[in-house]
N, C-alpha and C. Protein backbone atom coordinates (compact mmCIF):
# COMPACT_ATOMS: atom_id res chain seq x y z
N MET A 1 -14.21 11.15 -8.31
CA MET A 1 -13.21 10.78 -7.84
C MET A 1 -13.25 10.06 -6.57
N ALA A 2 -13.75 9.90 -5.32
CA ALA A 2 -14.01 9.05 -4.45
C ALA A 2 -13.89 7.65 -5.24
N PRO A 3 -15.01 7.13 -5.89
CA PRO A 3 -15.14 5.59 -6.25
C PRO A 3 -13.88 5.29 -6.65
N ALA A 4 -12.95 6.07 -7.32
CA ALA A 4 -12.01 5.01 -8.04
C ALA A 4 -10.89 5.38 -7.34
N SER A 5 -10.81 5.84 -5.83
CA SER A 5 -10.09 6.33 -5.26
C SER A 5 -10.42 4.65 -4.10
N LEU A 6 -11.59 4.54 -3.44
CA LEU A 6 -11.86 3.69 -2.56
C LEU A 6 -11.80 2.21 -3.38
N ALA A 7 -12.24 1.93 -3.74
CA ALA A 7 -12.05 0.83 -4.91
C ALA A 7 -10.05 0.61 -5.64
N LEU A 8 -9.80 1.48 -5.87
CA LEU A 8 -8.01 0.95 -6.24
C LEU A 8 -7.63 0.76 -4.26
N ARG A 9 -7.75 1.24 -3.35
CA ARG A 9 -7.78 0.83 -1.95
C ARG A 9 -7.77 -0.60 -1.69
N ARG A 10 -9.27 -0.91 -1.98
CA ARG A 10 -9.60 -2.11 -1.43
C ARG A 10 -9.11 -3.43 -2.03
N ALA A 11 -8.56 -3.39 -4.06
CA ALA A 11 -8.53 -3.74 -4.50
C ALA A 11 -6.70 -4.11 -4.11
N LEU A 12 -6.03 -2.44 -3.61
CA LEU A 12 -4.46 -2.78 -2.84
C LEU A 12 -4.49 -4.22 -1.44
N ARG A 13 -5.58 -3.54 -1.03
CA ARG A 13 -5.78 -4.21 0.02
C ARG A 13 -6.05 -5.41 0.36
N ASP A 14 -6.63 -6.23 -1.12
CA ASP A 14 -6.96 -7.61 -1.63
C ASP A 14 -5.67 -8.10 -1.58
N GLY A 15 -4.90 -7.47 -2.50
CA GLY A 15 -4.02 -8.20 -3.55
C GLY A 15 -3.20 -8.38 -2.29
N LEU A 16 -2.46 -7.01 -1.74
CA LEU A 16 -1.42 -7.25 -0.32
C LEU A 16 -2.05 -8.80 0.70
N VAL A 17 -2.88 -8.81 0.91
CA VAL A 17 -3.62 -9.83 1.70
C VAL A 17 -3.55 -11.03 1.23
N GLY A 18 -3.80 -11.53 -0.20
CA GLY A 18 -3.60 -11.95 -1.31
C GLY A 18 -2.07 -13.02 -1.50
N HIS A 19 -1.03 -11.99 -1.13
CA HIS A 19 0.62 -12.28 -1.22
C HIS A 19 0.60 -13.02 -0.43
N ALA A 20 1.14 -14.12 -0.32
CA ALA A 20 1.05 -15.14 0.95
C ALA A 20 3.03 -14.70 1.47
N PRO A 21 3.75 -14.57 0.45
CA PRO A 21 5.32 -14.03 1.23
C PRO A 21 5.25 -12.88 2.71
N LEU A 22 4.43 -11.71 1.71
CA LEU A 22 4.07 -10.74 2.54
C LEU A 22 3.03 -10.97 3.71
N VAL A 23 2.32 -12.02 3.57
CA VAL A 23 1.15 -12.74 5.32
C VAL A 23 1.94 -13.18 5.93
N GLU A 24 2.92 -14.19 5.48
CA GLU A 24 4.61 -15.06 6.14
C GLU A 24 4.68 -13.83 6.96
N VAL A 25 5.36 -12.80 6.57
CA VAL A 25 6.55 -12.05 7.38
C VAL A 25 5.85 -11.01 8.58
N LEU A 26 4.43 -11.02 7.72
CA LEU A 26 3.85 -10.00 8.95
C LEU A 26 3.21 -10.93 10.50
N GLY A 27 3.48 -12.30 10.06
CA GLY A 27 2.14 -13.22 10.76
C GLY A 27 1.21 -13.37 10.91
N GLY A 28 0.29 -13.12 9.22
CA GLY A 28 -0.94 -13.21 9.28
C GLY A 28 -1.15 -11.93 8.71
N PRO A 29 -2.72 -11.71 7.82
CA PRO A 29 -2.71 -10.75 6.99
C PRO A 29 -3.26 -9.42 7.63
N LYS A 30 -2.15 -9.05 8.38
CA LYS A 30 -2.37 -7.61 8.94
C LYS A 30 -2.05 -6.34 8.66
N ILE A 31 -3.09 -5.97 7.60
CA ILE A 31 -3.45 -4.91 6.52
C ILE A 31 -4.32 -4.22 6.84
N TRP A 32 -4.51 -3.29 7.65
CA TRP A 32 -5.44 -2.78 7.95
C TRP A 32 -5.40 -0.73 7.33
N ASP A 33 -6.75 -0.30 7.29
CA ASP A 33 -6.70 1.25 6.88
C ASP A 33 -6.70 1.51 8.55
N GLU A 34 -6.95 1.39 9.45
CA GLU A 34 -6.99 1.50 10.84
C GLU A 34 -6.83 0.40 11.27
N PRO A 35 -6.13 0.00 12.25
CA PRO A 35 -5.23 -0.66 13.05
C PRO A 35 -5.95 -1.13 14.11
N PRO A 36 -6.19 -2.27 14.88
CA PRO A 36 -6.62 -2.86 15.95
C PRO A 36 -5.80 -2.10 17.68
N ARG A 37 -6.29 -1.64 18.08
CA ARG A 37 -5.73 -0.96 19.11
C ARG A 37 -4.49 -1.79 19.74
N ASP A 38 -5.09 -3.07 19.97
CA ASP A 38 -4.58 -4.05 20.39
C ASP A 38 -3.24 -4.62 19.10
N ALA A 39 -3.38 -3.92 18.05
CA ALA A 39 -2.26 -4.44 16.92
C ALA A 39 -0.99 -4.85 17.18
N ALA A 40 -0.64 -6.08 16.83
CA ALA A 40 0.63 -6.82 17.18
C ALA A 40 1.79 -6.52 16.15
N PHE A 41 2.95 -6.05 16.40
CA PHE A 41 3.78 -5.72 15.12
C PHE A 41 4.48 -7.13 14.78
N PRO A 42 4.65 -6.91 13.25
CA PRO A 42 5.07 -5.84 12.13
C PRO A 42 3.69 -5.80 11.75
N TYR A 43 2.75 -4.53 11.56
CA TYR A 43 1.86 -4.73 10.46
C TYR A 43 1.51 -3.58 9.41
N VAL A 44 0.73 -3.84 8.40
CA VAL A 44 1.10 -2.41 7.76
C VAL A 44 -1.02 -1.56 7.52
N THR A 45 -0.47 -0.11 7.39
CA THR A 45 -1.55 0.56 7.47
C THR A 45 -1.22 1.06 6.01
N LEU A 46 -2.66 1.22 5.80
CA LEU A 46 -3.02 1.72 4.00
C LEU A 46 -2.85 3.70 4.34
N GLY A 47 -2.25 4.06 3.86
CA GLY A 47 -2.08 5.64 4.29
C GLY A 47 -2.77 6.75 3.93
N GLU A 48 -2.14 7.60 3.95
CA GLU A 48 -2.54 8.88 2.68
C GLU A 48 -2.69 8.54 0.89
N ALA A 49 -3.51 9.80 0.32
CA ALA A 49 -3.98 9.01 -1.01
C ALA A 49 -4.29 10.40 -1.73
N ARG A 50 -3.87 10.83 -2.58
CA ARG A 50 -3.63 12.12 -3.55
C ARG A 50 -4.52 11.18 -4.76
N VAL A 51 -5.90 12.07 -4.83
CA VAL A 51 -6.10 12.10 -6.36
C VAL A 51 -6.16 13.05 -7.03
N THR A 52 -5.98 12.98 -8.95
CA THR A 52 -5.67 13.77 -9.41
C THR A 52 -6.47 13.83 -10.81
N ASP A 53 -7.29 14.48 -11.48
CA ASP A 53 -7.95 14.58 -12.77
C ASP A 53 -6.23 13.88 -13.55
N TRP A 54 -6.79 12.94 -14.58
CA TRP A 54 -5.88 12.43 -15.56
C TRP A 54 -6.52 12.35 -16.58
N SER A 55 -7.76 12.84 -17.12
CA SER A 55 -8.38 13.25 -18.56
C SER A 55 -7.88 13.04 -19.48
N THR A 56 -8.15 13.14 -20.44
CA THR A 56 -7.64 13.67 -21.83
C THR A 56 -8.95 14.15 -22.58
N GLY A 57 -8.86 14.76 -23.71
CA GLY A 57 -9.61 14.52 -24.45
C GLY A 57 -10.93 14.24 -24.85
N SER A 58 -10.36 12.91 -24.74
CA SER A 58 -11.69 11.64 -25.10
C SER A 58 -12.01 10.70 -24.56
N SER A 59 -11.10 10.57 -23.32
CA SER A 59 -11.17 9.64 -21.95
C SER A 59 -11.11 10.39 -20.86
N SER A 60 -11.71 10.01 -19.38
CA SER A 60 -11.57 10.36 -17.99
C SER A 60 -10.74 9.41 -17.25
N GLY A 61 -9.84 9.60 -16.45
CA GLY A 61 -9.16 8.44 -15.93
C GLY A 61 -8.63 9.73 -14.83
N HIS A 62 -8.34 8.88 -13.72
CA HIS A 62 -7.35 9.56 -12.06
C HIS A 62 -5.82 8.83 -11.83
N GLU A 63 -5.36 9.79 -11.47
CA GLU A 63 -3.62 9.94 -11.03
C GLU A 63 -3.53 9.54 -9.23
N HIS A 64 -3.35 8.36 -8.81
CA HIS A 64 -3.25 8.33 -7.90
C HIS A 64 -1.61 8.19 -7.19
N ALA A 65 -1.83 8.93 -6.64
CA ALA A 65 -0.55 8.80 -5.30
C ALA A 65 -0.59 8.21 -3.77
N LEU A 66 0.37 6.47 -3.84
CA LEU A 66 -0.53 6.25 -2.30
C LEU A 66 0.28 5.91 -1.57
N THR A 67 -0.02 6.16 -0.35
CA THR A 67 1.34 5.66 0.53
C THR A 67 0.80 4.86 1.83
N LEU A 68 1.54 3.46 1.73
CA LEU A 68 1.14 2.37 2.86
C LEU A 68 2.17 2.46 3.82
N HIS A 69 2.17 2.42 5.01
CA HIS A 69 3.29 2.30 6.23
C HIS A 69 2.69 1.00 6.67
N VAL A 70 4.70 0.96 6.95
CA VAL A 70 5.07 -0.17 8.07
C VAL A 70 5.30 0.32 9.44
N TRP A 71 4.84 -0.68 9.84
CA TRP A 71 5.38 -0.44 11.64
C TRP A 71 6.14 -1.70 11.98
N SER A 72 7.31 -1.58 12.97
CA SER A 72 7.87 -2.81 13.38
C SER A 72 8.38 -2.49 14.86
N ARG A 73 8.60 -3.69 15.58
CA ARG A 73 9.16 -3.35 16.70
C ARG A 73 9.93 -3.80 16.89
N GLN A 74 10.61 -4.51 15.91
CA GLN A 74 11.51 -5.48 15.70
C GLN A 74 13.04 -5.30 15.74
N GLY A 75 13.96 -5.38 16.27
CA GLY A 75 15.38 -4.87 16.65
C GLY A 75 16.12 -4.30 15.60
N GLY A 76 15.88 -3.45 15.62
CA GLY A 76 17.11 -2.57 14.34
C GLY A 76 15.76 -2.19 12.47
N GLN A 77 16.64 -2.10 11.51
CA GLN A 77 15.66 -1.69 10.40
C GLN A 77 14.99 -2.44 10.25
N THR A 78 15.72 -4.22 9.76
CA THR A 78 15.33 -5.02 9.11
C THR A 78 14.11 -5.63 9.15
N GLU A 79 13.10 -5.87 9.98
CA GLU A 79 12.01 -6.37 9.63
C GLU A 79 10.81 -5.16 8.78
N ALA A 80 11.16 -4.19 9.49
CA ALA A 80 10.77 -3.01 8.46
C ALA A 80 11.41 -3.01 6.64
N GLN A 81 12.49 -3.31 6.60
CA GLN A 81 12.86 -3.14 5.44
C GLN A 81 12.55 -4.49 4.21
N VAL A 82 12.27 -5.89 5.50
CA VAL A 82 11.75 -7.06 4.89
C VAL A 82 10.44 -6.87 4.71
N VAL A 83 9.58 -6.09 5.16
CA VAL A 83 8.00 -6.10 5.27
C VAL A 83 7.81 -5.16 3.45
N ALA A 84 8.42 -3.76 3.58
CA ALA A 84 8.97 -2.74 2.64
C ALA A 84 9.30 -3.25 1.44
N GLY A 85 9.86 -4.38 1.45
CA GLY A 85 10.05 -4.63 0.26
C GLY A 85 9.39 -6.08 -0.40
N GLU A 86 8.68 -6.81 0.44
CA GLU A 86 7.46 -7.92 0.16
C GLU A 86 5.90 -7.15 -0.51
N ILE A 87 6.13 -5.45 0.55
CA ILE A 87 4.86 -4.87 -0.59
C ILE A 87 5.23 -4.90 -1.96
N ILE A 88 6.20 -4.50 -1.98
CA ILE A 88 6.60 -3.72 -3.33
C ILE A 88 6.76 -4.91 -4.41
N ALA A 89 7.16 -5.88 -4.34
CA ALA A 89 7.12 -7.35 -4.61
C ALA A 89 5.82 -7.63 -5.17
N ALA A 90 4.51 -7.90 -3.76
CA ALA A 90 3.55 -7.94 -3.92
C ALA A 90 2.86 -7.42 -5.28
N LEU A 91 3.21 -5.39 -5.18
CA LEU A 91 2.46 -4.69 -5.97
C LEU A 91 2.70 -5.04 -7.75
N GLU A 92 3.86 -5.92 -7.51
CA GLU A 92 5.16 -6.20 -8.61
C GLU A 92 4.05 -7.23 -9.29
N GLN A 93 3.36 -8.45 -8.98
CA GLN A 93 3.08 -9.77 -8.56
C GLN A 93 1.72 -9.86 -8.97
N VAL A 94 1.20 -9.39 -7.65
CA VAL A 94 -0.92 -9.84 -7.58
C VAL A 94 -1.47 -8.73 -8.72
N PRO A 95 -2.35 -9.81 -9.17
CA PRO A 95 -3.48 -9.03 -9.95
C PRO A 95 -4.01 -7.80 -9.19
N ILE A 96 -4.17 -6.92 -10.01
CA ILE A 96 -4.89 -4.91 -8.69
C ILE A 96 -6.00 -5.63 -9.71
N GLU A 97 -7.33 -5.22 -9.50
CA GLU A 97 -8.55 -5.33 -10.17
C GLU A 97 -9.55 -4.61 -9.36
N PRO A 98 -9.35 -3.09 -9.06
CA PRO A 98 -10.22 -2.35 -8.94
C PRO A 98 -12.15 -2.10 -8.95
N VAL A 99 -12.97 -2.65 -8.56
CA VAL A 99 -14.42 -2.81 -9.10
C VAL A 99 -15.14 -1.65 -9.77
N GLY A 100 -15.23 -1.54 -11.33
CA GLY A 100 -15.80 -0.29 -11.54
C GLY A 100 -14.13 0.04 -12.79
N GLN A 101 -12.87 0.04 -12.03
CA GLN A 101 -11.67 0.34 -12.82
C GLN A 101 -11.25 -0.09 -13.92
N ARG A 102 -10.09 0.37 -14.20
CA ARG A 102 -9.25 -0.45 -15.12
C ARG A 102 -8.20 0.26 -14.77
N LEU A 103 -6.92 -0.65 -13.86
CA LEU A 103 -5.79 -0.24 -13.84
C LEU A 103 -4.88 0.04 -14.78
N VAL A 104 -4.44 1.09 -15.47
CA VAL A 104 -3.89 1.13 -16.46
C VAL A 104 -2.24 1.17 -16.42
N ASN A 105 -1.64 1.65 -14.72
CA ASN A 105 -0.36 1.71 -15.16
C ASN A 105 -0.69 1.62 -13.16
N LEU A 106 0.61 0.89 -12.10
CA LEU A 106 0.75 0.67 -11.15
C LEU A 106 2.50 0.67 -11.00
N ARG A 107 2.85 2.04 -10.29
CA ARG A 107 4.74 2.05 -10.30
C ARG A 107 5.06 1.75 -8.62
N PHE A 108 6.09 1.42 -8.32
CA PHE A 108 6.66 2.03 -7.14
C PHE A 108 7.63 2.81 -7.60
N ALA A 109 7.42 4.17 -6.47
CA ALA A 109 8.08 5.06 -5.98
C ALA A 109 8.85 5.47 -5.98
N THR A 110 8.67 5.12 -3.90
CA THR A 110 9.44 5.68 -2.75
C THR A 110 9.41 4.48 -1.79
N ALA A 111 10.67 4.28 -0.94
CA ALA A 111 10.43 3.84 0.21
C ALA A 111 11.28 4.13 1.28
N ASP A 112 10.91 4.64 2.77
CA ASP A 112 12.00 5.43 3.37
C ASP A 112 11.58 4.40 4.91
N ILE A 113 12.76 4.29 5.70
CA ILE A 113 12.66 3.64 6.73
C ILE A 113 12.98 4.33 8.16
N ARG A 114 12.29 5.09 8.92
CA ARG A 114 13.22 6.30 10.23
C ARG A 114 12.48 5.42 11.65
N ARG A 115 13.16 5.79 12.10
CA ARG A 115 13.06 4.81 13.69
C ARG A 115 11.52 6.17 13.82
N GLU A 116 10.96 5.86 14.73
CA GLU A 116 10.14 6.61 15.53
C GLU A 116 10.47 7.63 16.57
N ASP A 117 9.72 9.07 17.65
CA ASP A 117 10.55 9.52 18.18
C ASP A 117 10.90 8.66 19.69
N ASP A 118 10.06 7.54 20.13
CA ASP A 118 9.52 6.06 20.74
C ASP A 118 11.15 5.37 21.31
N GLY A 119 11.83 5.94 19.72
CA GLY A 119 13.39 4.94 20.06
C GLY A 119 12.43 3.36 19.58
N ARG A 120 11.83 3.00 19.50
CA ARG A 120 11.66 1.08 19.57
C ARG A 120 10.89 1.15 18.26
N THR A 121 9.98 1.64 17.98
CA THR A 121 9.30 1.67 15.94
C THR A 121 10.00 1.88 15.35
N PHE A 122 10.41 1.11 14.61
CA PHE A 122 10.62 1.65 12.84
C PHE A 122 9.61 1.80 12.03
N HIS A 123 9.25 2.95 10.97
CA HIS A 123 8.14 3.06 10.36
C HIS A 123 8.99 3.14 8.76
N GLY A 124 8.35 2.18 8.28
CA GLY A 124 8.58 3.02 6.23
C GLY A 124 7.05 3.24 5.97
N VAL A 125 7.50 3.91 5.05
CA VAL A 125 6.61 4.32 4.03
C VAL A 125 7.26 4.54 3.06
N VAL A 126 5.50 3.52 2.53
CA VAL A 126 6.16 2.98 0.77
C VAL A 126 5.39 3.52 0.55
N ARG A 127 5.62 4.48 -1.16
CA ARG A 127 4.65 5.53 -1.90
C ARG A 127 4.41 4.79 -3.22
N PHE A 128 3.70 4.58 -3.87
CA PHE A 128 3.66 3.68 -5.49
C PHE A 128 2.27 5.33 -6.18
N ARG A 129 2.19 5.29 -7.38
CA ARG A 129 1.81 6.08 -8.07
C ARG A 129 1.12 5.08 -9.36
N ALA A 130 0.00 5.55 -9.38
CA ALA A 130 -1.10 5.00 -10.48
C ALA A 130 -1.86 5.19 -10.84
N VAL A 131 -2.90 4.74 -12.06
CA VAL A 131 -3.42 5.70 -13.05
C VAL A 131 -4.55 4.35 -13.54
N THR A 132 -5.99 5.05 -13.16
CA THR A 132 -7.00 4.34 -13.34
C THR A 132 -8.01 5.02 -14.12
N GLU A 133 -9.02 4.15 -15.66
CA GLU A 133 -9.85 4.74 -15.77
C GLU A 133 -11.06 3.70 -15.70
N PRO A 134 -12.10 4.40 -15.74
CA PRO A 134 -13.97 3.60 -15.56
C PRO A 134 -13.92 2.88 -16.52
N ALA A 135 -14.28 1.49 -15.80
CA ALA A 135 -13.90 0.21 -16.51
C ALA A 135 -15.42 -0.17 -17.81
């Protein structure tokens, strides 16, 4: 289970970093598993991942529920909305090739933008569903 999930996370990050419009709105390839303490806004973090068995009687596979987080402090929701939109566009356009896995399916599920309790940070939560099988 872990190798499929890790391979998919790495491939997603590589795909996002390779999508020029997303990198442009972020002001650089600011897509991290854990952001540096002094990370400049906006940026994206790889969030929660849930993996379930998707095997059939004749083949093995995994279903992945993936969450990406958008962090912005630009006044209002606009910047967070733009970044979330570029994430969705990137994952519809760029090839995602997890090492040792075949990506069967990758679909956008939901996106939410909300103001954090500090009153100045906007937090976008973008969720995807993916299915992989061993290559």
